[in-house]
Amino acid sequence: MSGGTGGSAAGGHGADRGTGRSDRTVVLAHPTDWPGFRQAARALLQQGCPPDAVHWSATGDSAHGDLFAEAGCGAPMAGGHLPGSAEGFALVPGGPAEAAATSQAPRVPAAFLPLGERVVLHRDPARFALLYRLLWRLVHEPGLRADPLDPDRLQAGQMARAVARDVHKMRAFVRFRPVPGPGGEPLHVAWFEPDHRIAVANAPFFVRRFTQMHWAILTPDASVHWDGTQLHTGPGASRADAPAADDGEALWLTYYRNTFNPARLKMDMMRREMPTRYWKNLPEAALIGELAQGAAERSGRMVDAPGTVTRRRIAGRPVAGTS
């Protein structure tokens, strides 16, 4: 980690952009370390470190060992902690004027919190740098809050929406397969390959939805396991760790085949709502080609078939043709 002040603390966005300088290095505990980012970002803001003077990275190592070990952008702080706060930057519902009037601590709009929580789940390696640059600019450029077309705001919004879509797809496309679990209780295991690091953040949804089940979701980034009372997180897994197809899956495929309605088939919409990159992990996807190929013929037979007459049932009388 190199020292150096790295430009004017109040110079705002782009003061030293393009120099390639990286005066300070922040190593976060893991790739989705949002609490660590908040703590580090607040300390850097109070030290006056401009975005171009900070290099962000994330590993499995603790960030407290060398974080802020060197001076350069203001006074160093032991352990990276700020007096009176372990939460990082604070929130203020109003603008910078209200923030300045209420505290010397840097304040940001409340909307920055949910935005940042999603952006840190994105795989873009520059996500922490983007968030800190946006944070710095929100503090030093009052007009940014009213500029929805700002490139940094647009990029952060696009990344947050990409993560939100991935979260939705995971909730829709996870497929569990039962295996014998500890104590004879069946354990339902699913394999999923998300675009972003959403497995742990998305786990509470599955806890609420499948509270009575014992289940595990394996992804390349992390695994989550619900034992009926507690959620456990673990390292990533491989597809080979997930169970193979079983009889229950054959039953599901039979159900899918029989409920498939060829008259409602719209392949473009299907691919948009169920992108083909997920198909490799969806058992029913193996039937789509066959069912789509015969959809036109089946629809034609449905149209040509004579109509059926609904039998009217009167209470107390037998249905016609059944007596």
C-alpha atoms as a PDB file:
ATOM      1  CA  MET A   1       0.000   0.000   0.000  1.00  0.00           C
ATOM      2  CA  SER A   2       1.418   3.347  -0.947  1.00  0.00           C
ATOM      3  CA  GLY A   3       0.934   6.636   0.808  1.00  0.00           C
ATOM      4  CA  GLY A   4       0.253  10.114  -0.540  1.00  0.00           C
ATOM      5  CA  THR A   5      -2.570  12.517  -0.208  1.00  0.00           C
ATOM      6  CA  GLY A   6      -3.957  12.053  -3.698  1.00  0.00           C
ATOM      7  CA  GLY A   7      -5.315  15.493  -4.523  1.00  0.00           C
ATOM      8  CA  SER A   8      -7.801  17.871  -3.042  1.00  0.00           C
ATOM      9  CA  ALA A   9     -10.306  16.506  -0.594  1.00  0.00           C
ATOM     10  CA  ALA A  10     -12.935  18.931  -1.792  1.00  0.00           C
ATOM     11  CA  GLY A  11     -12.037  18.789  -5.445  1.00  0.00           C
ATOM     12  CA  GLY A  12     -14.924  16.485  -6.213  1.00  0.00           C
ATOM     13  CA  HIS A  13     -15.357  13.978  -8.943  1.00  0.00           C
ATOM     14  CA  GLY A  14     -12.627  13.672 -11.555  1.00  0.00           C
ATOM     15  CA  ALA A  15     -10.058  15.931  -9.922  1.00  0.00           C
ATOM     16  CA  ASP A  16      -7.239  13.483 -10.617  1.00  0.00           C
ATOM     17  CA  ARG A  17      -8.957  11.078 -12.938  1.00  0.00           C
ATOM     18  CA  GLY A  18      -6.734   9.532 -15.581  1.00  0.00           C
ATOM     19  CA  THR A  19      -3.501   9.559 -13.612  1.00  0.00           C
ATOM     20  CA  GLY A  20      -3.753   5.840 -12.775  1.00  0.00           C
ATOM     21  CA  ARG A  21      -2.801   6.655  -9.203  1.00  0.00           C
ATOM     22  CA  SER A  22      -3.852   4.343  -6.406  1.00  0.00           C
ATOM     23  CA  ASP A  23      -2.589   5.877  -3.208  1.00  0.00           C
ATOM     24  CA  ARG A  24      -4.675   3.904  -0.770  1.00  0.00           C
ATOM     25  CA  THR A  25      -5.696   0.261  -0.830  1.00  0.00           C
ATOM     26  CA  VAL A  26      -8.769  -1.082   0.937  1.00  0.00           C
ATOM     27  CA  VAL A  27      -9.003  -4.865   1.166  1.00  0.00           C
ATOM     28  CA  LEU A  28     -12.517  -5.938   2.098  1.00  0.00           C
ATOM     29  CA  ALA A  29     -13.231  -9.204   3.882  1.00  0.00           C
ATOM     30  CA  HIS A  30     -15.157 -10.798   1.022  1.00  0.00           C
ATOM     31  CA  PRO A  31     -16.600  -9.842  -2.350  1.00  0.00           C
ATOM     32  CA  THR A  32     -19.977  -8.758  -0.920  1.00  0.00           C
ATOM     33  CA  ASP A  33     -18.665  -7.047   2.199  1.00  0.00           C
ATOM     34  CA  TRP A  34     -21.161  -4.201   2.355  1.00  0.00           C
ATOM     35  CA  PRO A  35     -20.641  -3.430   6.073  1.00  0.00           C
ATOM     36  CA  GLY A  36     -16.885  -3.304   5.480  1.00  0.00           C
ATOM     37  CA  PHE A  37     -17.330  -0.975   2.555  1.00  0.00           C
ATOM     38  CA  ARG A  38     -19.529   1.363   4.593  1.00  0.00           C
ATOM     39  CA  GLN A  39     -17.017   1.547   7.381  1.00  0.00           C
ATOM     40  CA  ALA A  40     -14.075   2.095   5.057  1.00  0.00           C
ATOM     41  CA  ALA A  41     -15.907   4.613   2.896  1.00  0.00           C
ATOM     42  CA  ARG A  42     -16.872   6.752   5.826  1.00  0.00           C
ATOM     43  CA  ALA A  43     -13.331   6.771   7.134  1.00  0.00           C
ATOM     44  CA  LEU A  44     -11.965   7.688   3.712  1.00  0.00           C
ATOM     45  CA  LEU A  45     -14.505  10.474   3.339  1.00  0.00           C
ATOM     46  CA  GLN A  46     -13.568  11.945   6.677  1.00  0.00           C
ATOM     47  CA  GLN A  47      -9.898  11.716   5.745  1.00  0.00           C
ATOM     48  CA  GLY A  48     -10.661  13.550   2.498  1.00  0.00           C
ATOM     49  CA  CYS A  49      -9.416  10.770   0.205  1.00  0.00           C
ATOM     50  CA  PRO A  50     -10.680  11.419  -3.346  1.00  0.00           C
ATOM     51  CA  PRO A  51     -11.932   8.440  -5.347  1.00  0.00           C
ATOM     52  CA  ASP A  52      -8.920   8.351  -7.658  1.00  0.00           C
ATOM     53  CA  ALA A  53      -6.617   7.932  -4.668  1.00  0.00           C
ATOM     54  CA  VAL A  54      -8.259   4.719  -3.440  1.00  0.00           C
ATOM     55  CA  HIS A  55      -7.890   1.195  -4.768  1.00  0.00           C
ATOM     56  CA  TRP A  56     -10.600  -1.264  -3.701  1.00  0.00           C
ATOM     57  CA  SER A  57     -10.255  -5.019  -3.596  1.00  0.00           C
ATOM     58  CA  ALA A  58     -11.920  -7.872  -1.771  1.00  0.00           C
ATOM     59  CA  THR A  59     -10.511 -11.161  -0.595  1.00  0.00           C
ATOM     60  CA  GLY A  60     -11.253 -13.589   2.172  1.00  0.00           C
ATOM     61  CA  ASP A  61      -8.786 -11.813   4.451  1.00  0.00           C
ATOM     62  CA  SER A  62      -9.818  -9.401   7.168  1.00  0.00           C
ATOM     63  CA  ALA A  63      -9.555  -5.789   6.081  1.00  0.00           C
ATOM     64  CA  HIS A  64      -8.651  -4.577   9.520  1.00  0.00           C
ATOM     65  CA  GLY A  65      -5.026  -5.665   9.364  1.00  0.00           C
ATOM     66  CA  ASP A  66      -3.677  -3.018   7.020  1.00  0.00           C
ATOM     67  CA  LEU A  67      -6.667  -0.851   6.315  1.00  0.00           C
ATOM     68  CA  PHE A  68      -5.656   2.786   6.815  1.00  0.00           C
ATOM     69  CA  ALA A  69      -2.272   1.674   8.147  1.00  0.00           C
ATOM     70  CA  GLU A  70      -0.643   4.554   6.316  1.00  0.00           C
ATOM     71  CA  ALA A  71      -1.376   8.214   6.389  1.00  0.00           C
ATOM     72  CA  GLY A  72      -1.692  10.134   3.183  1.00  0.00           C
ATOM     73  CA  CYS A  73      -5.278  11.298   2.841  1.00  0.00           C
ATOM     74  CA  GLY A  74      -5.676  12.943   6.209  1.00  0.00           C
ATOM     75  CA  ALA A  75      -4.969  11.551   9.640  1.00  0.00           C
ATOM     76  CA  PRO A  76      -4.865   7.762  10.027  1.00  0.00           C
ATOM     77  CA  MET A  77      -7.353   6.058  12.321  1.00  0.00           C
ATOM     78  CA  ALA A  78      -6.586   2.995  14.375  1.00  0.00           C
ATOM     79  CA  GLY A  79      -8.361  -0.070  13.050  1.00  0.00           C
ATOM     80  CA  GLY A  80     -10.399   1.983  10.599  1.00  0.00           C
ATOM     81  CA  HIS A  81     -13.106   2.702  13.208  1.00  0.00           C
ATOM     82  CA  LEU A  82     -14.766   6.028  13.585  1.00  0.00           C
ATOM     83  CA  PRO A  83     -15.591   7.431  16.993  1.00  0.00           C
ATOM     84  CA  GLY A  84     -19.244   6.937  17.738  1.00  0.00           C
ATOM     85  CA  SER A  85     -20.108   4.836  14.701  1.00  0.00           C
ATOM     86  CA  ALA A  86     -19.599   1.336  13.447  1.00  0.00           C
ATOM     87  CA  GLU A  87     -22.122   1.642  10.649  1.00  0.00           C
ATOM     88  CA  GLY A  88     -20.153   3.690   8.141  1.00  0.00           C
ATOM     89  CA  PHE A  89     -21.716   6.754   6.584  1.00  0.00           C
ATOM     90  CA  ALA A  90     -24.928   8.118   8.033  1.00  0.00           C
ATOM     91  CA  LEU A  91     -28.187   8.903   6.333  1.00  0.00           C
ATOM     92  CA  VAL A  92     -30.095  12.119   6.070  1.00  0.00           C
ATOM     93  CA  PRO A  93     -33.472  12.532   4.405  1.00  0.00           C
ATOM     94  CA  GLY A  94     -32.771  16.065   3.230  1.00  0.00           C
ATOM     95  CA  GLY A  95     -29.990  17.577   1.201  1.00  0.00           C
ATOM     96  CA  PRO A  96     -26.402  18.548   2.004  1.00  0.00           C
ATOM     97  CA  ALA A  97     -27.496  21.746   3.706  1.00  0.00           C
ATOM     98  CA  GLU A  98     -29.455  19.760   6.273  1.00  0.00           C
ATOM     99  CA  ALA A  99     -26.527  17.420   6.687  1.00  0.00           C
ATOM    100  CA  ALA A 100     -24.098  20.255   7.276  1.00  0.00           C
ATOM    101  CA  ALA A 101     -26.452  21.790   9.791  1.00  0.00           C
ATOM    102  CA  THR A 102     -26.893  18.619  11.803  1.00  0.00           C
ATOM    103  CA  SER A 103     -23.470  17.042  11.847  1.00  0.00           C
ATOM    104  CA  GLN A 104     -19.945  17.212  10.563  1.00  0.00           C
ATOM    105  CA  ALA A 105     -20.141  13.541   9.563  1.00  0.00           C
ATOM    106  CA  PRO A 106     -20.693  12.871   5.868  1.00  0.00           C
ATOM    107  CA  ARG A 107     -24.358  12.287   5.059  1.00  0.00           C
ATOM    108  CA  VAL A 108     -25.895  10.740   1.966  1.00  0.00           C
ATOM    109  CA  PRO A 109     -29.466  10.273   0.699  1.00  0.00           C
ATOM    110  CA  ALA A 110     -31.308   7.328   2.187  1.00  0.00           C
ATOM    111  CA  ALA A 111     -31.734   5.817  -1.287  1.00  0.00           C
ATOM    112  CA  PHE A 112     -27.996   5.226  -1.470  1.00  0.00           C
ATOM    113  CA  LEU A 113     -28.217   2.382   1.063  1.00  0.00           C
ATOM    114  CA  PRO A 114     -30.480  -0.030  -0.867  1.00  0.00           C
ATOM    115  CA  LEU A 115     -28.657   0.913  -4.055  1.00  0.00           C
ATOM    116  CA  GLY A 116     -25.280   0.060  -2.555  1.00  0.00           C
ATOM    117  CA  GLU A 117     -26.521  -3.163  -0.995  1.00  0.00           C
ATOM    118  CA  ARG A 118     -27.458  -4.405  -4.455  1.00  0.00           C
ATOM    119  CA  VAL A 119     -24.487  -3.046  -6.371  1.00  0.00           C
ATOM    120  CA  VAL A 120     -21.973  -4.854  -4.121  1.00  0.00           C
ATOM    121  CA  LEU A 121     -23.548  -8.151  -5.269  1.00  0.00           C
ATOM    122  CA  HIS A 122     -22.654  -7.384  -8.891  1.00  0.00           C
ATOM    123  CA  ARG A 123     -19.646  -9.172 -10.381  1.00  0.00           C
ATOM    124  CA  ASP A 124     -18.149  -6.025 -11.869  1.00  0.00           C
ATOM    125  CA  PRO A 125     -14.720  -5.686 -10.212  1.00  0.00           C
ATOM    126  CA  ALA A 126     -15.111  -1.897 -10.247  1.00  0.00           C
ATOM    127  CA  ARG A 127     -18.297  -1.901  -8.168  1.00  0.00           C
ATOM    128  CA  PHE A 128     -16.663  -0.661  -4.942  1.00  0.00           C
ATOM    129  CA  ALA A 129     -14.773   2.078  -6.796  1.00  0.00           C
ATOM    130  CA  LEU A 130     -18.009   3.178  -8.457  1.00  0.00           C
ATOM    131  CA  LEU A 131     -19.882   3.263  -5.158  1.00  0.00           C
ATOM    132  CA  TYR A 132     -17.172   5.260  -3.430  1.00  0.00           C
ATOM    133  CA  ARG A 133     -16.939   7.706  -6.338  1.00  0.00           C
ATOM    134  CA  LEU A 134     -20.705   8.141  -6.269  1.00  0.00           C
ATOM    135  CA  LEU A 135     -20.643   8.548  -2.504  1.00  0.00           C
ATOM    136  CA  TRP A 136     -17.865  11.122  -2.708  1.00  0.00           C
ATOM    137  CA  ARG A 137     -19.721  13.078  -5.341  1.00  0.00           C
ATOM    138  CA  LEU A 138     -23.001  12.992  -3.411  1.00  0.00           C
ATOM    139  CA  VAL A 139     -21.196  14.574  -0.490  1.00  0.00           C
ATOM    140  CA  HIS A 140     -19.245  17.164  -2.511  1.00  0.00           C
ATOM    141  CA  GLU A 141     -21.564  17.902  -5.439  1.00  0.00           C
ATOM    142  CA  PRO A 142     -25.002  18.973  -4.177  1.00  0.00           C
ATOM    143  CA  GLY A 143     -26.424  19.143  -7.704  1.00  0.00           C
ATOM    144  CA  LEU A 144     -25.784  15.439  -8.293  1.00  0.00           C
ATOM    145  CA  ARG A 145     -28.850  14.480  -6.267  1.00  0.00           C
ATOM    146  CA  ALA A 146     -31.053  16.158  -8.881  1.00  0.00           C
ATOM    147  CA  ASP A 147     -29.261  14.740 -11.923  1.00  0.00           C
ATOM    148  CA  PRO A 148     -30.730  11.318 -12.768  1.00  0.00           C
ATOM    149  CA  LEU A 149     -28.785  11.240 -16.056  1.00  0.00           C
ATOM    150  CA  ASP A 150     -25.374  11.423 -14.422  1.00  0.00           C
ATOM    151  CA  PRO A 151     -23.193   8.571 -15.809  1.00  0.00           C
ATOM    152  CA  ASP A 152     -22.209   7.263 -12.370  1.00  0.00           C
ATOM    153  CA  ARG A 153     -25.812   7.232 -11.184  1.00  0.00           C
ATOM    154  CA  LEU A 154     -26.936   5.553 -14.384  1.00  0.00           C
ATOM    155  CA  GLN A 155     -24.244   2.885 -14.147  1.00  0.00           C
ATOM    156  CA  ALA A 156     -25.017   2.133 -10.510  1.00  0.00           C
ATOM    157  CA  GLY A 157     -28.725   1.919 -11.323  1.00  0.00           C
ATOM    158  CA  GLN A 158     -28.092  -0.478 -14.200  1.00  0.00           C
ATOM    159  CA  MET A 159     -25.959  -2.707 -11.984  1.00  0.00           C
ATOM    160  CA  ALA A 160     -28.597  -2.714  -9.237  1.00  0.00           C
ATOM    161  CA  ARG A 161     -31.300  -3.669 -11.746  1.00  0.00           C
ATOM    162  CA  ALA A 162     -29.144  -6.469 -13.132  1.00  0.00           C
ATOM    163  CA  VAL A 163     -28.741  -7.857  -9.625  1.00  0.00           C
ATOM    164  CA  ALA A 164     -32.477  -7.512  -8.963  1.00  0.00           C
ATOM    165  CA  ARG A 165     -33.257  -9.461 -12.148  1.00  0.00           C
ATOM    166  CA  ASP A 166     -30.833 -12.166 -11.108  1.00  0.00           C
ATOM    167  CA  VAL A 167     -32.468 -12.389  -7.681  1.00  0.00           C
ATOM    168  CA  HIS A 168     -35.872 -12.799  -9.336  1.00  0.00           C
ATOM    169  CA  LYS A 169     -34.590 -15.486 -11.714  1.00  0.00           C
ATOM    170  CA  MET A 170     -33.062 -17.456  -8.860  1.00  0.00           C
ATOM    171  CA  ARG A 171     -36.375 -17.432  -7.008  1.00  0.00           C
ATOM    172  CA  ALA A 172     -38.144 -18.640 -10.152  1.00  0.00           C
ATOM    173  CA  PHE A 173     -35.702 -21.234 -11.463  1.00  0.00           C
ATOM    174  CA  VAL A 174     -34.305 -23.060  -8.436  1.00  0.00           C
ATOM    175  CA  ARG A 175     -35.267 -26.751  -8.643  1.00  0.00           C
ATOM    176  CA  PHE A 176     -34.851 -28.910  -5.552  1.00  0.00           C
ATOM    177  CA  ARG A 177     -34.133 -32.623  -5.606  1.00  0.00           C
ATOM    178  CA  PRO A 178     -34.609 -34.660  -2.410  1.00  0.00           C
ATOM    179  CA  VAL A 179     -31.801 -36.755  -0.943  1.00  0.00           C
ATOM    180  CA  PRO A 180     -31.609 -38.588   2.397  1.00  0.00           C
ATOM    181  CA  GLY A 181     -30.577 -36.126   5.053  1.00  0.00           C
ATOM    182  CA  PRO A 182     -29.252 -36.440   8.603  1.00  0.00           C
ATOM    183  CA  GLY A 183     -31.642 -38.262  10.932  1.00  0.00           C
ATOM    184  CA  GLY A 184     -33.720 -39.586   8.062  1.00  0.00           C
ATOM    185  CA  GLU A 185     -35.181 -36.167   7.278  1.00  0.00           C
ATOM    186  CA  PRO A 186     -35.171 -35.555   3.514  1.00  0.00           C
ATOM    187  CA  LEU A 187     -32.839 -32.801   2.397  1.00  0.00           C
ATOM    188  CA  HIS A 188     -33.850 -30.914  -0.723  1.00  0.00           C
ATOM    189  CA  VAL A 189     -30.808 -29.816  -2.699  1.00  0.00           C
ATOM    190  CA  ALA A 190     -30.712 -27.420  -5.646  1.00  0.00           C
ATOM    191  CA  TRP A 191     -27.943 -26.287  -7.964  1.00  0.00           C
ATOM    192  CA  PHE A 192     -28.059 -22.773  -9.389  1.00  0.00           C
ATOM    193  CA  GLU A 193     -25.606 -20.625 -11.338  1.00  0.00           C
ATOM    194  CA  PRO A 194     -26.422 -16.965 -10.766  1.00  0.00           C
ATOM    195  CA  ASP A 195     -24.941 -14.167 -12.831  1.00  0.00           C
ATOM    196  CA  HIS A 196     -24.002 -12.287  -9.656  1.00  0.00           C
ATOM    197  CA  ARG A 197     -23.128 -13.075  -6.040  1.00  0.00           C
ATOM    198  CA  ILE A 198     -26.694 -13.231  -4.770  1.00  0.00           C
ATOM    199  CA  ALA A 199     -26.934 -16.628  -3.063  1.00  0.00           C
ATOM    200  CA  VAL A 200     -26.497 -15.501   0.548  1.00  0.00           C
ATOM    201  CA  ALA A 201     -28.494 -12.288   0.128  1.00  0.00           C
ATOM    202  CA  ASN A 202     -31.343 -14.213  -1.495  1.00  0.00           C
ATOM    203  CA  ALA A 203     -31.427 -17.025   1.071  1.00  0.00           C
ATOM    204  CA  PRO A 204     -33.940 -15.357   3.463  1.00  0.00           C
ATOM    205  CA  PHE A 205     -36.578 -15.557   0.710  1.00  0.00           C
ATOM    206  CA  PHE A 206     -36.215 -19.352   0.564  1.00  0.00           C
ATOM    207  CA  VAL A 207     -36.259 -19.561   4.363  1.00  0.00           C
ATOM    208  CA  ARG A 208     -39.625 -17.792   4.413  1.00  0.00           C
ATOM    209  CA  ARG A 209     -41.015 -19.825   1.524  1.00  0.00           C
ATOM    210  CA  PHE A 210     -39.744 -23.255   2.558  1.00  0.00           C
ATOM    211  CA  THR A 211     -39.589 -22.885   6.321  1.00  0.00           C
ATOM    212  CA  GLN A 212     -40.752 -26.436   7.004  1.00  0.00           C
ATOM    213  CA  MET A 213     -38.283 -28.041   4.594  1.00  0.00           C
ATOM    214  CA  HIS A 214     -34.642 -28.842   5.113  1.00  0.00           C
ATOM    215  CA  TRP A 215     -32.909 -27.558   2.009  1.00  0.00           C
ATOM    216  CA  ALA A 216     -29.603 -26.486   0.548  1.00  0.00           C
ATOM    217  CA  ILE A 217     -28.842 -24.340  -2.475  1.00  0.00           C
ATOM    218  CA  LEU A 218     -25.434 -24.793  -4.049  1.00  0.00           C
ATOM    219  CA  THR A 219     -23.856 -22.143  -6.274  1.00  0.00           C
ATOM    220  CA  PRO A 220     -20.286 -21.599  -7.521  1.00  0.00           C
ATOM    221  CA  ASP A 221     -19.869 -18.649  -5.110  1.00  0.00           C
ATOM    222  CA  ALA A 222     -21.454 -19.904  -1.904  1.00  0.00           C
ATOM    223  CA  SER A 223     -23.800 -22.509  -0.495  1.00  0.00           C
ATOM    224  CA  VAL A 224     -26.702 -21.916   1.874  1.00  0.00           C
ATOM    225  CA  HIS A 225     -28.355 -24.568   4.041  1.00  0.00           C
ATOM    226  CA  TRP A 226     -31.556 -24.325   6.077  1.00  0.00           C
ATOM    227  CA  ASP A 227     -31.884 -27.001   8.779  1.00  0.00           C
ATOM    228  CA  GLY A 228     -35.372 -25.978   9.845  1.00  0.00           C
ATOM    229  CA  THR A 229     -34.207 -23.609  12.549  1.00  0.00           C
ATOM    230  CA  GLN A 230     -31.037 -21.911  11.346  1.00  0.00           C
ATOM    231  CA  LEU A 231     -29.536 -20.730   8.081  1.00  0.00           C
ATOM    232  CA  HIS A 232     -25.945 -21.806   7.440  1.00  0.00           C
ATOM    233  CA  THR A 233     -23.625 -20.430   4.776  1.00  0.00           C
ATOM    234  CA  GLY A 234     -20.643 -22.184   3.297  1.00  0.00           C
ATOM    235  CA  PRO A 235     -18.174 -22.063   0.417  1.00  0.00           C
ATOM    236  CA  GLY A 236     -19.082 -22.478  -3.205  1.00  0.00           C
ATOM    237  CA  ALA A 237     -19.730 -25.872  -4.759  1.00  0.00           C
ATOM    238  CA  SER A 238     -19.694 -27.504  -8.158  1.00  0.00           C
ATOM    239  CA  ARG A 239     -22.480 -28.978 -10.197  1.00  0.00           C
ATOM    240  CA  ALA A 240     -21.144 -32.450  -9.437  1.00  0.00           C
ATOM    241  CA  ASP A 241     -22.030 -31.874  -5.765  1.00  0.00           C
ATOM    242  CA  ALA A 242     -25.727 -31.613  -6.625  1.00  0.00           C
ATOM    243  CA  PRO A 243     -27.882 -34.773  -6.805  1.00  0.00           C
ATOM    244  CA  ALA A 244     -28.861 -36.306 -10.127  1.00  0.00           C
ATOM    245  CA  ALA A 245     -32.390 -36.660 -11.471  1.00  0.00           C
ATOM    246  CA  ASP A 246     -34.747 -38.998  -9.627  1.00  0.00           C
ATOM    247  CA  ASP A 247     -38.268 -40.462  -9.897  1.00  0.00           C
ATOM    248  CA  GLY A 248     -39.767 -37.294  -8.506  1.00  0.00           C
ATOM    249  CA  GLU A 249     -38.307 -35.376 -11.413  1.00  0.00           C
ATOM    250  CA  ALA A 250     -39.863 -37.800 -13.893  1.00  0.00           C
ATOM    251  CA  LEU A 251     -43.228 -37.081 -12.280  1.00  0.00           C
ATOM    252  CA  TRP A 252     -42.630 -33.338 -12.630  1.00  0.00           C
ATOM    253  CA  LEU A 253     -41.784 -33.765 -16.317  1.00  0.00           C
ATOM    254  CA  THR A 254     -44.979 -35.733 -16.883  1.00  0.00           C
ATOM    255  CA  TYR A 255     -46.970 -32.977 -15.238  1.00  0.00           C
ATOM    256  CA  TYR A 256     -45.191 -30.309 -17.315  1.00  0.00           C
ATOM    257  CA  ARG A 257     -45.825 -32.211 -20.552  1.00  0.00           C
ATOM    258  CA  ASN A 258     -49.536 -32.654 -19.822  1.00  0.00           C
ATOM    259  CA  THR A 259     -50.158 -29.076 -18.766  1.00  0.00           C
ATOM    260  CA  PHE A 260     -48.265 -27.572 -21.707  1.00  0.00           C
ATOM    261  CA  ASN A 261     -50.716 -25.529 -23.809  1.00  0.00           C
ATOM    262  CA  PRO A 262     -49.498 -25.335 -27.442  1.00  0.00           C
ATOM    263  CA  ALA A 263     -51.984 -22.580 -28.290  1.00  0.00           C
ATOM    264  CA  ARG A 264     -50.299 -20.240 -25.826  1.00  0.00           C
ATOM    265  CA  LEU A 265     -46.738 -20.917 -26.895  1.00  0.00           C
ATOM    266  CA  LYS A 266     -44.723 -17.749 -27.579  1.00  0.00           C
ATOM    267  CA  MET A 267     -41.079 -18.696 -27.895  1.00  0.00           C
ATOM    268  CA  ASP A 268     -39.712 -15.143 -27.958  1.00  0.00           C
ATOM    269  CA  MET A 269     -41.530 -14.256 -24.764  1.00  0.00           C
ATOM    270  CA  MET A 270     -40.480 -17.552 -23.190  1.00  0.00           C
ATOM    271  CA  ARG A 271     -36.823 -16.837 -23.926  1.00  0.00           C
ATOM    272  CA  ARG A 272     -37.189 -13.332 -22.561  1.00  0.00           C
ATOM    273  CA  GLU A 273     -38.785 -14.479 -19.303  1.00  0.00           C
ATOM    274  CA  MET A 274     -36.764 -17.693 -19.050  1.00  0.00           C
ATOM    275  CA  PRO A 275     -33.375 -16.907 -20.661  1.00  0.00           C
ATOM    276  CA  THR A 276     -31.737 -19.905 -22.282  1.00  0.00           C
ATOM    277  CA  ARG A 277     -28.666 -19.640 -20.043  1.00  0.00           C
ATOM    278  CA  TYR A 278     -30.807 -21.060 -17.237  1.00  0.00           C
ATOM    279  CA  TRP A 279     -32.152 -23.974 -19.276  1.00  0.00           C
ATOM    280  CA  LYS A 280     -29.228 -26.284 -18.571  1.00  0.00           C
ATOM    281  CA  ASN A 281     -30.322 -26.485 -14.925  1.00  0.00           C
ATOM    282  CA  LEU A 282     -34.064 -26.747 -15.558  1.00  0.00           C
ATOM    283  CA  PRO A 283     -35.312 -30.339 -16.014  1.00  0.00           C
ATOM    284  CA  GLU A 284     -38.355 -29.208 -17.982  1.00  0.00           C
ATOM    285  CA  ALA A 285     -36.165 -27.362 -20.490  1.00  0.00           C
ATOM    286  CA  ALA A 286     -35.351 -30.726 -22.090  1.00  0.00           C
ATOM    287  CA  LEU A 287     -38.981 -30.945 -23.215  1.00  0.00           C
ATOM    288  CA  ILE A 288     -39.294 -27.463 -24.665  1.00  0.00           C
ATOM    289  CA  GLY A 289     -37.859 -28.273 -28.092  1.00  0.00           C
ATOM    290  CA  GLU A 290     -40.062 -31.325 -28.566  1.00  0.00           C
ATOM    291  CA  LEU A 291     -43.200 -29.588 -27.310  1.00  0.00           C
ATOM    292  CA  ALA A 292     -42.533 -26.459 -29.364  1.00  0.00           C
ATOM    293  CA  GLN A 293     -41.943 -28.506 -32.523  1.00  0.00           C
ATOM    294  CA  GLY A 294     -45.355 -30.168 -32.245  1.00  0.00           C
ATOM    295  CA  ALA A 295     -47.203 -27.108 -30.964  1.00  0.00           C
ATOM    296  CA  ALA A 296     -48.605 -26.020 -34.354  1.00  0.00           C
ATOM    297  CA  GLU A 297     -49.992 -29.480 -35.126  1.00  0.00           C
ATOM    298  CA  ARG A 298     -51.512 -29.853 -31.682  1.00  0.00           C
ATOM    299  CA  SER A 299     -53.048 -26.386 -31.922  1.00  0.00           C
ATOM    300  CA  GLY A 300     -54.574 -27.323 -35.286  1.00  0.00           C
ATOM    301  CA  ARG A 301     -56.133 -30.454 -33.839  1.00  0.00           C
ATOM    302  CA  MET A 302     -57.545 -28.438 -30.970  1.00  0.00           C
ATOM    303  CA  VAL A 303     -59.125 -25.963 -33.430  1.00  0.00           C
ATOM    304  CA  ASP A 304     -60.562 -28.706 -35.663  1.00  0.00           C
ATOM    305  CA  ALA A 305     -61.976 -30.737 -32.814  1.00  0.00           C
ATOM    306  CA  PRO A 306     -65.757 -30.427 -32.297  1.00  0.00           C
ATOM    307  CA  GLY A 307     -66.892 -28.369 -29.398  1.00  0.00           C
ATOM    308  CA  THR A 308     -67.980 -29.959 -26.200  1.00  0.00           C
ATOM    309  CA  VAL A 309     -71.279 -29.316 -24.488  1.00  0.00           C
ATOM    310  CA  THR A 310     -71.112 -28.460 -20.871  1.00  0.00           C
ATOM    311  CA  ARG A 311     -73.425 -30.665 -18.886  1.00  0.00           C
ATOM    312  CA  ARG A 312     -75.696 -28.690 -16.651  1.00  0.00           C
ATOM    313  CA  ARG A 313     -76.036 -30.076 -13.170  1.00  0.00           C
ATOM    314  CA  ILE A 314     -79.153 -29.338 -11.152  1.00  0.00           C
ATOM    315  CA  ALA A 315     -78.960 -29.992  -7.480  1.00  0.00           C
ATOM    316  CA  GLY A 316     -80.931 -33.103  -6.538  1.00  0.00           C
ATOM    317  CA  ARG A 317     -81.072 -34.469 -10.086  1.00  0.00           C
ATOM    318  CA  PRO A 318     -78.678 -36.923 -11.709  1.00  0.00           C
ATOM    319  CA  VAL A 319     -76.484 -35.610 -14.522  1.00  0.00           C
ATOM    320  CA  ALA A 320     -77.850 -36.527 -17.973  1.00  0.00           C
ATOM    321  CA  GLY A 321     -76.234 -39.625 -19.427  1.00  0.00           C
ATOM    322  CA  THR A 322     -74.941 -40.880 -16.106  1.00  0.00           C
ATOM    323  CA  SER A 323     -78.023 -42.700 -14.886  1.00  0.00           C
END
